[in-house]
Amino acid sequence: MAQLTPQSPLYNFPLPEIEAWLKKMGCDQNPQELNCWYVKKGTWEAEITLDIEDICVSYLNAGADGSDIKRAFPYSLSRQDIEDAVFSGP
């Protein structure tokens, strides 16, 4: 198998590597819902959910009216592209 790089599609990474990557990015795993993660970075916070076909991100209270901003990123994107999109904030 080819070596995985940040430019590899996220679906090529085994789940333990995805979880280690999220921890490295400062995310905390929900102990009751293991596919759900939480991250707080400076002025924003988000819930990240590892769904079947996408990584779903809800930036909490980030809308102009205080609503959540939701985005979904397919696993076919590279890990680096997802990292850049998710962790740049809402």
PDB file of N, CA and C in Angstrom:
ATOM      1  N   MET A   1       0.844  -1.190   0.000  1.00  0.00           N
ATOM      2  CA  MET A   1       0.000   0.000   0.000  1.00  0.00           C
ATOM      3  C   MET A   1       0.884   1.246   0.000  1.00  0.00           C
ATOM      4  N   ALA A   2       0.471   2.240  -0.754  1.00  0.00           N
ATOM      5  CA  ALA A   2       1.234   3.476  -0.844  1.00  0.00           C
ATOM      6  C   ALA A   2       1.232   4.201   0.496  1.00  0.00           C
ATOM      7  N   GLN A   3       2.305   4.918   0.732  1.00  0.00           N
ATOM      8  CA  GLN A   3       2.402   5.673   1.982  1.00  0.00           C
ATOM      9  C   GLN A   3       1.391   6.820   1.973  1.00  0.00           C
ATOM     10  N   LEU A   4       0.730   7.002   3.103  1.00  0.00           N
ATOM     11  CA  LEU A   4      -0.260   8.071   3.220  1.00  0.00           C
ATOM     12  C   LEU A   4       0.432   9.385   3.524  1.00  0.00           C
ATOM     13  N   THR A   5      -0.021  10.430   2.864  1.00  0.00           N
ATOM     14  CA  THR A   5       0.521  11.776   3.068  1.00  0.00           C
ATOM     15  C   THR A   5      -0.644  12.710   3.346  1.00  0.00           C
ATOM     16  N   PRO A   6      -0.365  13.933   3.764  1.00  0.00           N
ATOM     17  CA  PRO A   6      -1.464  14.890   3.956  1.00  0.00           C
ATOM     18  C   PRO A   6      -2.269  15.143   2.678  1.00  0.00           C
ATOM     19  N   GLN A   7      -1.692  14.828   1.504  1.00  0.00           N
ATOM     20  CA  GLN A   7      -2.412  15.022   0.247  1.00  0.00           C
ATOM     21  C   GLN A   7      -3.269  13.808  -0.124  1.00  0.00           C
ATOM     22  N   SER A   8      -3.184  12.726   0.647  1.00  0.00           N
ATOM     23  CA  SER A   8      -3.999  11.534   0.401  1.00  0.00           C
ATOM     24  C   SER A   8      -5.447  11.811   0.785  1.00  0.00           C
ATOM     25  N   PRO A   9      -6.401  11.222   0.040  1.00  0.00           N
ATOM     26  CA  PRO A   9      -7.808  11.367   0.428  1.00  0.00           C
ATOM     27  C   PRO A   9      -8.021  10.814   1.841  1.00  0.00           C
ATOM     28  N   LEU A  10      -8.871  11.484   2.592  1.00  0.00           N
ATOM     29  CA  LEU A  10      -9.088  11.078   3.976  1.00  0.00           C
ATOM     30  C   LEU A  10      -9.634   9.652   4.060  1.00  0.00           C
ATOM     31  N   TYR A  11     -10.391   9.204   3.039  1.00  0.00           N
ATOM     32  CA  TYR A  11     -10.949   7.849   3.111  1.00  0.00           C
ATOM     33  C   TYR A  11      -9.872   6.767   3.058  1.00  0.00           C
ATOM     34  N   ASN A  12      -8.634   7.103   2.698  1.00  0.00           N
ATOM     35  CA  ASN A  12      -7.548   6.121   2.694  1.00  0.00           C
ATOM     36  C   ASN A  12      -6.964   5.885   4.090  1.00  0.00           C
ATOM     37  N   PHE A  13      -7.251   6.779   5.027  1.00  0.00           N
ATOM     38  CA  PHE A  13      -6.676   6.674   6.369  1.00  0.00           C
ATOM     39  C   PHE A  13      -7.525   5.751   7.240  1.00  0.00           C
ATOM     40  N   PRO A  14      -6.893   4.851   7.997  1.00  0.00           N
ATOM     41  CA  PRO A  14      -7.669   4.051   8.953  1.00  0.00           C
ATOM     42  C   PRO A  14      -8.199   4.946  10.076  1.00  0.00           C
ATOM     43  N   LEU A  15      -9.307   4.534  10.667  1.00  0.00           N
ATOM     44  CA  LEU A  15      -9.954   5.327  11.713  1.00  0.00           C
ATOM     45  C   LEU A  15      -8.998   5.726  12.842  1.00  0.00           C
ATOM     46  N   PRO A  16      -8.135   4.836  13.359  1.00  0.00           N
ATOM     47  CA  PRO A  16      -7.234   5.271  14.433  1.00  0.00           C
ATOM     48  C   PRO A  16      -6.322   6.432  14.015  1.00  0.00           C
ATOM     49  N   GLU A  17      -5.933   6.488  12.744  1.00  0.00           N
ATOM     50  CA  GLU A  17      -5.106   7.607  12.279  1.00  0.00           C
ATOM     51  C   GLU A  17      -5.913   8.896  12.179  1.00  0.00           C
ATOM     52  N   ILE A  18      -7.169   8.791  11.770  1.00  0.00           N
ATOM     53  CA  ILE A  18      -8.036   9.975  11.725  1.00  0.00           C
ATOM     54  C   ILE A  18      -8.251  10.504  13.139  1.00  0.00           C
ATOM     55  N   GLU A  19      -8.498   9.607  14.084  1.00  0.00           N
ATOM     56  CA  GLU A  19      -8.691  10.014  15.476  1.00  0.00           C
ATOM     57  C   GLU A  19      -7.422  10.657  16.037  1.00  0.00           C
ATOM     58  N   ALA A  20      -6.255  10.085  15.733  1.00  0.00           N
ATOM     59  CA  ALA A  20      -4.991  10.673  16.202  1.00  0.00           C
ATOM     60  C   ALA A  20      -4.780  12.054  15.593  1.00  0.00           C
ATOM     61  N   TRP A  21      -5.147  12.220  14.335  1.00  0.00           N
ATOM     62  CA  TRP A  21      -5.036  13.520  13.662  1.00  0.00           C
ATOM     63  C   TRP A  21      -5.948  14.553  14.340  1.00  0.00           C
ATOM     64  N   LEU A  22      -7.185  14.172  14.648  1.00  0.00           N
ATOM     65  CA  LEU A  22      -8.097  15.100  15.318  1.00  0.00           C
ATOM     66  C   LEU A  22      -7.558  15.492  16.696  1.00  0.00           C
ATOM     67  N   LYS A  23      -7.005  14.536  17.430  1.00  0.00           N
ATOM     68  CA  LYS A  23      -6.406  14.860  18.734  1.00  0.00           C
ATOM     69  C   LYS A  23      -5.242  15.825  18.563  1.00  0.00           C
ATOM     70  N   LYS A  24      -4.407  15.583  17.550  1.00  0.00           N
ATOM     71  CA  LYS A  24      -3.266  16.467  17.281  1.00  0.00           C
ATOM     72  C   LYS A  24      -3.735  17.895  16.958  1.00  0.00           C
ATOM     73  N   MET A  25      -4.908  17.997  16.341  1.00  0.00           N
ATOM     74  CA  MET A  25      -5.458  19.301  15.987  1.00  0.00           C
ATOM     75  C   MET A  25      -6.168  19.968  17.170  1.00  0.00           C
ATOM     76  N   GLY A  26      -6.136  19.337  18.345  1.00  0.00           N
ATOM     77  CA  GLY A  26      -6.712  19.940  19.543  1.00  0.00           C
ATOM     78  C   GLY A  26      -8.148  19.560  19.822  1.00  0.00           C
ATOM     79  N   CYS A  27      -8.656  18.532  19.161  1.00  0.00           N
ATOM     80  CA  CYS A  27     -10.044  18.106  19.356  1.00  0.00           C
ATOM     81  C   CYS A  27     -10.151  17.113  20.512  1.00  0.00           C
ATOM     82  N   ASP A  28     -11.288  17.147  21.171  1.00  0.00           N
ATOM     83  CA  ASP A  28     -11.597  16.209  22.248  1.00  0.00           C
ATOM     84  C   ASP A  28     -12.750  15.328  21.807  1.00  0.00           C
ATOM     85  N   GLN A  29     -12.612  14.023  22.008  1.00  0.00           N
ATOM     86  CA  GLN A  29     -13.634  13.063  21.624  1.00  0.00           C
ATOM     87  C   GLN A  29     -14.722  12.982  22.677  1.00  0.00           C
ATOM     88  N   ASN A  30     -15.967  12.895  22.233  1.00  0.00           N
ATOM     89  CA  ASN A  30     -17.104  12.717  23.120  1.00  0.00           C
ATOM     90  C   ASN A  30     -17.102  11.261  23.588  1.00  0.00           C
ATOM     91  N   PRO A  31     -16.981  10.995  24.893  1.00  0.00           N
ATOM     92  CA  PRO A  31     -16.899   9.610  25.367  1.00  0.00           C
ATOM     93  C   PRO A  31     -18.199   8.813  25.178  1.00  0.00           C
ATOM     94  N   GLN A  32     -19.342   9.486  25.027  1.00  0.00           N
ATOM     95  CA  GLN A  32     -20.606   8.788  24.814  1.00  0.00           C
ATOM     96  C   GLN A  32     -20.895   8.559  23.331  1.00  0.00           C
ATOM     97  N   GLU A  33     -20.455   9.476  22.488  1.00  0.00           N
ATOM     98  CA  GLU A  33     -20.656   9.373  21.036  1.00  0.00           C
ATOM     99  C   GLU A  33     -19.281   9.475  20.392  1.00  0.00           C
ATOM    100  N   LEU A  34     -18.651   8.328  20.155  1.00  0.00           N
ATOM    101  CA  LEU A  34     -17.248   8.295  19.748  1.00  0.00           C
ATOM    102  C   LEU A  34     -16.983   8.900  18.372  1.00  0.00           C
ATOM    103  N   ASN A  35     -18.025   9.103  17.568  1.00  0.00           N
ATOM    104  CA  ASN A  35     -17.837   9.738  16.266  1.00  0.00           C
ATOM    105  C   ASN A  35     -17.946  11.265  16.346  1.00  0.00           C
ATOM    106  N   CYS A  36     -18.159  11.795  17.540  1.00  0.00           N
ATOM    107  CA  CYS A  36     -18.317  13.244  17.736  1.00  0.00           C
ATOM    108  C   CYS A  36     -17.106  13.819  18.474  1.00  0.00           C
ATOM    109  N   TRP A  37     -16.680  14.969  18.006  1.00  0.00           N
ATOM    110  CA  TRP A  37     -15.499  15.642  18.547  1.00  0.00           C
ATOM    111  C   TRP A  37     -15.833  17.107  18.794  1.00  0.00           C
ATOM    112  N   TYR A  38     -15.069  17.754  19.674  1.00  0.00           N
ATOM    113  CA  TYR A  38     -15.258  19.175  20.003  1.00  0.00           C
ATOM    114  C   TYR A  38     -13.899  19.859  19.925  1.00  0.00           C
ATOM    115  N   VAL A  39     -13.898  21.062  19.386  1.00  0.00           N
ATOM    116  CA  VAL A  39     -12.656  21.835  19.324  1.00  0.00           C
ATOM    117  C   VAL A  39     -12.977  23.301  19.588  1.00  0.00           C
ATOM    118  N   LYS A  40     -12.077  23.969  20.300  1.00  0.00           N
ATOM    119  CA  LYS A  40     -12.183  25.413  20.546  1.00  0.00           C
ATOM    120  C   LYS A  40     -10.855  26.034  20.132  1.00  0.00           C
ATOM    121  N   LYS A  41     -10.945  26.991  19.220  1.00  0.00           N
ATOM    122  CA  LYS A  41      -9.752  27.675  18.709  1.00  0.00           C
ATOM    123  C   LYS A  41      -9.989  29.177  18.781  1.00  0.00           C
ATOM    124  N   GLY A  42      -9.285  29.846  19.654  1.00  0.00           N
ATOM    125  CA  GLY A  42      -9.389  31.309  19.729  1.00  0.00           C
ATOM    126  C   GLY A  42     -10.807  31.805  19.850  1.00  0.00           C
ATOM    127  N   THR A  43     -11.329  32.354  18.762  1.00  0.00           N
ATOM    128  CA  THR A  43     -12.643  33.003  18.788  1.00  0.00           C
ATOM    129  C   THR A  43     -13.785  32.107  18.351  1.00  0.00           C
ATOM    130  N   TRP A  44     -13.524  30.869  18.019  1.00  0.00           N
ATOM    131  CA  TRP A  44     -14.600  29.988  17.567  1.00  0.00           C
ATOM    132  C   TRP A  44     -14.481  28.603  18.200  1.00  0.00           C
ATOM    133  N   GLU A  45     -15.622  27.895  18.185  1.00  0.00           N
ATOM    134  CA  GLU A  45     -15.663  26.518  18.666  1.00  0.00           C
ATOM    135  C   GLU A  45     -16.566  25.731  17.732  1.00  0.00           C
ATOM    136  N   ALA A  46     -16.301  24.429  17.661  1.00  0.00           N
ATOM    137  CA  ALA A  46     -17.054  23.612  16.718  1.00  0.00           C
ATOM    138  C   ALA A  46     -17.223  22.189  17.226  1.00  0.00           C
ATOM    139  N   GLU A  47     -18.285  21.581  16.740  1.00  0.00           N
ATOM    140  CA  GLU A  47     -18.496  20.149  16.917  1.00  0.00           C
ATOM    141  C   GLU A  47     -18.233  19.501  15.567  1.00  0.00           C
ATOM    142  N   ILE A  48     -17.443  18.437  15.580  1.00  0.00           N
ATOM    143  CA  ILE A  48     -17.089  17.710  14.361  1.00  0.00           C
ATOM    144  C   ILE A  48     -17.657  16.306  14.491  1.00  0.00           C
ATOM    145  N   THR A  49     -18.385  15.879  13.465  1.00  0.00           N
ATOM    146  CA  THR A  49     -18.982  14.548  13.476  1.00  0.00           C
ATOM    147  C   THR A  49     -18.463  13.750  12.288  1.00  0.00           C
ATOM    148  N   LEU A  50     -17.961  12.560  12.578  1.00  0.00           N
ATOM    149  CA  LEU A  50     -17.512  11.658  11.526  1.00  0.00           C
ATOM    150  C   LEU A  50     -18.723  10.851  11.073  1.00  0.00           C
ATOM    151  N   ASP A  51     -19.393  11.331  10.018  1.00  0.00           N
ATOM    152  CA  ASP A  51     -20.563  10.643   9.486  1.00  0.00           C
ATOM    153  C   ASP A  51     -20.130   9.597   8.467  1.00  0.00           C
ATOM    154  N   ILE A  52     -21.072   8.931   7.867  1.00  0.00           N
ATOM    155  CA  ILE A  52     -20.766   7.842   6.946  1.00  0.00           C
ATOM    156  C   ILE A  52     -20.047   8.347   5.696  1.00  0.00           C
ATOM    157  N   GLU A  53     -20.527   9.432   5.099  1.00  0.00           N
ATOM    158  CA  GLU A  53     -19.951   9.898   3.842  1.00  0.00           C
ATOM    159  C   GLU A  53     -19.188  11.213   3.956  1.00  0.00           C
ATOM    160  N   ASP A  54     -19.345  11.921   5.040  1.00  0.00           N
ATOM    161  CA  ASP A  54     -18.738  13.247   5.195  1.00  0.00           C
ATOM    162  C   ASP A  54     -18.256  13.465   6.621  1.00  0.00           C
ATOM    163  N   ILE A  55     -17.377  14.438   6.745  1.00  0.00           N
ATOM    164  CA  ILE A  55     -17.080  15.011   8.056  1.00  0.00           C
ATOM    165  C   ILE A  55     -17.963  16.248   8.148  1.00  0.00           C
ATOM    166  N   CYS A  56     -18.820  16.281   9.141  1.00  0.00           N
ATOM    167  CA  CYS A  56     -19.742  17.402   9.319  1.00  0.00           C
ATOM    168  C   CYS A  56     -19.225  18.287  10.442  1.00  0.00           C
ATOM    169  N   VAL A  57     -19.243  19.594  10.194  1.00  0.00           N
ATOM    170  CA  VAL A  57     -18.739  20.558  11.164  1.00  0.00           C
ATOM    171  C   VAL A  57     -19.838  21.561  11.465  1.00  0.00           C
ATOM    172  N   SER A  58     -20.095  21.767  12.741  1.00  0.00           N
ATOM    173  CA  SER A  58     -21.020  22.813  13.185  1.00  0.00           C
ATOM    174  C   SER A  58     -20.219  23.819  13.992  1.00  0.00           C
ATOM    175  N   TYR A  59     -20.041  25.004  13.403  1.00  0.00           N
ATOM    176  CA  TYR A  59     -19.380  26.093  14.133  1.00  0.00           C
ATOM    177  C   TYR A  59     -20.433  26.711  15.035  1.00  0.00           C
ATOM    178  N   LEU A  60     -20.242  26.593  16.329  1.00  0.00           N
ATOM    179  CA  LEU A  60     -21.262  26.957  17.309  1.00  0.00           C
ATOM    180  C   LEU A  60     -21.389  28.465  17.463  1.00  0.00           C
ATOM    181  N   ASN A  61     -22.622  28.948  17.377  1.00  0.00           N
ATOM    182  CA  ASN A  61     -22.950  30.374  17.564  1.00  0.00           C
ATOM    183  C   ASN A  61     -22.134  31.285  16.655  1.00  0.00           C
ATOM    184  N   ALA A  62     -21.791  30.819  15.459  1.00  0.00           N
ATOM    185  CA  ALA A  62     -20.904  31.580  14.578  1.00  0.00           C
ATOM    186  C   ALA A  62     -21.644  32.461  13.575  1.00  0.00           C
ATOM    187  N   GLY A  63     -22.935  32.234  13.399  1.00  0.00           N
ATOM    188  CA  GLY A  63     -23.702  33.051  12.460  1.00  0.00           C
ATOM    189  C   GLY A  63     -23.926  34.453  13.006  1.00  0.00           C
ATOM    190  N   ALA A  64     -24.232  35.375  12.121  1.00  0.00           N
ATOM    191  CA  ALA A  64     -24.462  36.767  12.524  1.00  0.00           C
ATOM    192  C   ALA A  64     -25.581  36.871  13.557  1.00  0.00           C
ATOM    193  N   ASP A  65     -26.546  35.942  13.490  1.00  0.00           N
ATOM    194  CA  ASP A  65     -27.661  35.948  14.435  1.00  0.00           C
ATOM    195  C   ASP A  65     -27.443  34.986  15.600  1.00  0.00           C
ATOM    196  N   GLY A  66     -26.222  34.467  15.736  1.00  0.00           N
ATOM    197  CA  GLY A  66     -25.920  33.542  16.820  1.00  0.00           C
ATOM    198  C   GLY A  66     -26.231  32.092  16.506  1.00  0.00           C
ATOM    199  N   SER A  67     -26.676  31.828  15.285  1.00  0.00           N
ATOM    200  CA  SER A  67     -26.970  30.444  14.901  1.00  0.00           C
ATOM    201  C   SER A  67     -25.675  29.702  14.563  1.00  0.00           C
ATOM    202  N   ASP A  68     -25.782  28.385  14.482  1.00  0.00           N
ATOM    203  CA  ASP A  68     -24.629  27.577  14.113  1.00  0.00           C
ATOM    204  C   ASP A  68     -24.442  27.620  12.593  1.00  0.00           C
ATOM    205  N   ILE A  69     -23.216  27.543  12.161  1.00  0.00           N
ATOM    206  CA  ILE A  69     -22.899  27.426  10.741  1.00  0.00           C
ATOM    207  C   ILE A  69     -22.460  25.989  10.509  1.00  0.00           C
ATOM    208  N   LYS A  70     -23.156  25.308   9.592  1.00  0.00           N
ATOM    209  CA  LYS A  70     -22.879  23.894   9.343  1.00  0.00           C
ATOM    210  C   LYS A  70     -22.249  23.718   7.963  1.00  0.00           C
ATOM    211  N   ARG A  71     -21.237  22.848   7.936  1.00  0.00           N
ATOM    212  CA  ARG A  71     -20.563  22.521   6.686  1.00  0.00           C
ATOM    213  C   ARG A  71     -20.273  21.028   6.675  1.00  0.00           C
ATOM    214  N   ALA A  72     -20.175  20.457   5.475  1.00  0.00           N
ATOM    215  CA  ALA A  72     -19.840  19.038   5.328  1.00  0.00           C
ATOM    216  C   ALA A  72     -18.723  18.910   4.299  1.00  0.00           C
ATOM    217  N   PHE A  73     -17.776  18.035   4.589  1.00  0.00           N
ATOM    218  CA  PHE A  73     -16.628  17.812   3.721  1.00  0.00           C
ATOM    219  C   PHE A  73     -16.523  16.328   3.422  1.00  0.00           C
ATOM    220  N   PRO A  74     -16.533  15.946   2.133  1.00  0.00           N
ATOM    221  CA  PRO A  74     -16.462  14.520   1.799  1.00  0.00           C
ATOM    222  C   PRO A  74     -15.081  13.944   2.114  1.00  0.00           C
ATOM    223  N   TYR A  75     -15.072  12.664   2.452  1.00  0.00           N
ATOM    224  CA  TYR A  75     -13.815  11.976   2.750  1.00  0.00           C
ATOM    225  C   TYR A  75     -12.908  11.882   1.521  1.00  0.00           C
ATOM    226  N   SER A  76     -13.435  12.182   0.336  1.00  0.00           N
ATOM    227  CA  SER A  76     -12.616  12.132  -0.876  1.00  0.00           C
ATOM    228  C   SER A  76     -11.644  13.308  -0.967  1.00  0.00           C
ATOM    229  N   LEU A  77     -11.875  14.343  -0.149  1.00  0.00           N
ATOM    230  CA  LEU A  77     -10.912  15.453  -0.093  1.00  0.00           C
ATOM    231  C   LEU A  77      -9.653  14.984   0.629  1.00  0.00           C
ATOM    232  N   SER A  78      -8.548  15.642   0.338  1.00  0.00           N
ATOM    233  CA  SER A  78      -7.311  15.279   1.033  1.00  0.00           C
ATOM    234  C   SER A  78      -7.398  15.696   2.497  1.00  0.00           C
ATOM    235  N   ARG A  79      -6.612  15.002   3.306  1.00  0.00           N
ATOM    236  CA  ARG A  79      -6.576  15.361   4.728  1.00  0.00           C
ATOM    237  C   ARG A  79      -6.166  16.816   4.887  1.00  0.00           C
ATOM    238  N   GLN A  80      -5.203  17.263   4.076  1.00  0.00           N
ATOM    239  CA  GLN A  80      -4.738  18.645   4.172  1.00  0.00           C
ATOM    240  C   GLN A  80      -5.841  19.629   3.803  1.00  0.00           C
ATOM    241  N   ASP A  81      -6.609  19.335   2.747  1.00  0.00           N
ATOM    242  CA  ASP A  81      -7.698  20.228   2.355  1.00  0.00           C
ATOM    243  C   ASP A  81      -8.763  20.325   3.452  1.00  0.00           C
ATOM    244  N   ILE A  82      -9.085  19.178   4.056  1.00  0.00           N
ATOM    245  CA  ILE A  82     -10.074  19.190   5.145  1.00  0.00           C
ATOM    246  C   ILE A  82      -9.528  19.956   6.336  1.00  0.00           C
ATOM    247  N   GLU A  83      -8.265  19.717   6.667  1.00  0.00           N
ATOM    248  CA  GLU A  83      -7.653  20.436   7.778  1.00  0.00           C
ATOM    249  C   GLU A  83      -7.690  21.935   7.539  1.00  0.00           C
ATOM    250  N   ASP A  84      -7.307  22.366   6.342  1.00  0.00           N
ATOM    251  CA  ASP A  84      -7.310  23.797   6.017  1.00  0.00           C
ATOM    252  C   ASP A  84      -8.715  24.390   6.104  1.00  0.00           C
ATOM    253  N   ALA A  85      -9.706  23.658   5.606  1.00  0.00           N
ATOM    254  CA  ALA A  85     -11.075  24.165   5.600  1.00  0.00           C
ATOM    255  C   ALA A  85     -11.689  24.198   6.992  1.00  0.00           C
ATOM    256  N   VAL A  86     -11.548  23.113   7.730  1.00  0.00           N
ATOM    257  CA  VAL A  86     -12.203  23.007   9.048  1.00  0.00           C
ATOM    258  C   VAL A  86     -11.539  23.916  10.074  1.00  0.00           C
ATOM    259  N   PHE A  87     -10.217  23.884  10.123  1.00  0.00           N
ATOM    260  CA  PHE A  87      -9.518  24.555  11.219  1.00  0.00           C
ATOM    261  C   PHE A  87      -9.165  26.022  10.931  1.00  0.00           C
ATOM    262  N   SER A  88      -9.616  26.526   9.766  1.00  0.00           N
ATOM    263  CA  SER A  88      -9.486  27.968   9.513  1.00  0.00           C
ATOM    264  C   SER A  88     -10.658  28.710  10.149  1.00  0.00           C
ATOM    265  N   GLY A  89     -11.675  27.961  10.569  1.00  0.00           N
ATOM    266  CA  GLY A  89     -12.819  28.568  11.255  1.00  0.00           C
ATOM    267  C   GLY A  89     -13.972  28.849  10.311  1.00  0.00           C
ATOM    268  N   PRO A  90     -15.027  29.405  10.872  1.00  0.00           N
ATOM    269  CA  PRO A  90     -16.252  29.641  10.082  1.00  0.00           C
ATOM    270  C   PRO A  90     -16.082  30.722   9.024  1.00  0.00           C
TER     271      PRO A  90
END
